[in-house]
Amino acid sequence: MSELVSEQDLARARSDAAFRQQLLVDNLERLLEALNQMRKANDISPESARQIREGVDLAVELADRLQEAARGLDPQAA
């Protein structure tokens, strides 16, 4: 999934739980890949460090939502 999420994807995710779950998985993978590339950069500026921290916070939130949905605690979590 190399493209950004479209409005059509978001509309489908609202009504299709399996699609919503996969959309979260795909975007979590994309986020982790971007964070890893930033982490490997030789020159990490204060702004990059802030973005990495924010990205890590978002990755944790996405992972928590995926786990909750997998356990059936919150079917609208995604």
Protein backbone atom coordinates (compact mmCIF):
# COMPACT_ATOMS: atom_id res chain seq x y z
CA MET A 1 0.00 0.00 0.00
CA SER A 2 2.19 2.83 -1.25
CA GLU A 3 -0.51 5.46 -1.77
CA LEU A 4 -2.04 7.62 0.89
CA VAL A 5 -5.45 6.63 2.19
CA SER A 6 -8.21 7.97 -0.02
CA GLU A 7 -11.61 9.30 0.99
CA GLN A 8 -13.06 6.20 -0.65
CA ASP A 9 -10.90 3.98 1.58
CA LEU A 10 -12.05 5.86 4.67
CA ALA A 11 -15.70 5.53 3.66
CA ARG A 12 -15.28 1.79 3.13
CA ALA A 13 -13.43 1.42 6.43
CA ARG A 14 -16.40 2.91 8.27
CA SER A 15 -18.65 0.08 7.14
CA ASP A 16 -16.26 -2.87 6.61
CA ALA A 17 -14.51 -4.05 9.77
CA ALA A 18 -12.12 -6.41 7.97
CA PHE A 19 -11.08 -3.68 5.55
CA ARG A 20 -10.66 -1.24 8.45
CA GLN A 21 -8.43 -3.73 10.27
CA GLN A 22 -6.26 -4.28 7.18
CA LEU A 23 -6.04 -0.53 6.57
CA LEU A 24 -4.69 -0.10 10.10
CA VAL A 25 -2.20 -2.92 9.64
CA ASP A 26 -0.97 -1.51 6.33
CA ASN A 27 -0.57 1.97 7.73
CA LEU A 28 1.15 0.76 10.89
CA GLU A 29 3.66 -1.08 8.70
CA ARG A 30 4.17 2.07 6.61
CA LEU A 31 4.70 4.15 9.74
CA LEU A 32 7.19 1.69 11.23
CA GLU A 33 9.13 1.61 7.96
CA ALA A 34 9.31 5.42 7.86
CA LEU A 35 10.39 5.57 11.51
CA ASN A 36 13.11 3.02 10.87
CA GLN A 37 14.42 5.02 7.91
CA MET A 38 14.46 8.19 10.02
CA ARG A 39 16.22 6.39 12.85
CA LYS A 40 18.95 5.18 10.49
CA ALA A 41 19.62 8.68 9.15
CA ASN A 42 23.09 9.96 9.97
CA ASP A 43 21.97 13.47 10.85
CA ILE A 44 18.98 13.53 13.18
CA SER A 45 17.92 17.11 13.84
CA PRO A 46 15.86 18.10 16.88
CA GLU A 47 12.85 18.34 14.56
CA SER A 48 13.47 14.80 13.27
CA ALA A 49 13.81 13.53 16.82
CA ARG A 50 10.46 15.15 17.70
CA GLN A 51 8.84 13.56 14.64
CA ILE A 52 10.25 10.16 15.58
CA ARG A 53 8.81 10.48 19.11
CA GLU A 54 5.41 11.46 17.70
CA GLY A 55 5.57 8.59 15.22
CA VAL A 56 6.38 6.11 17.97
CA ASP A 57 3.44 7.38 20.03
CA LEU A 58 1.15 6.96 17.02
CA ALA A 59 2.52 3.47 16.30
CA VAL A 60 1.78 2.42 19.88
CA GLU A 61 -1.77 3.81 19.60
CA LEU A 62 -2.35 1.97 16.32
CA ALA A 63 -0.97 -1.28 17.76
CA ASP A 64 -3.23 -0.92 20.81
CA ARG A 65 -6.27 -0.42 18.58
CA LEU A 66 -5.35 -3.47 16.53
CA GLN A 67 -4.96 -5.60 19.64
CA GLU A 68 -8.28 -4.39 21.07
CA ALA A 69 -10.05 -5.13 17.79
CA ALA A 70 -8.42 -8.57 17.61
CA ARG A 71 -9.68 -9.37 21.10
CA GLY A 72 -13.13 -8.15 20.12
CA LEU A 73 -13.17 -5.44 22.78
CA ASP A 74 -13.82 -2.56 20.44
CA PRO A 75 -15.01 -3.39 16.91
CA GLN A 76 -15.01 0.34 16.00
CA ALA A 77 -11.41 0.86 17.20
CA ALA A 78 -9.96 0.83 13.73
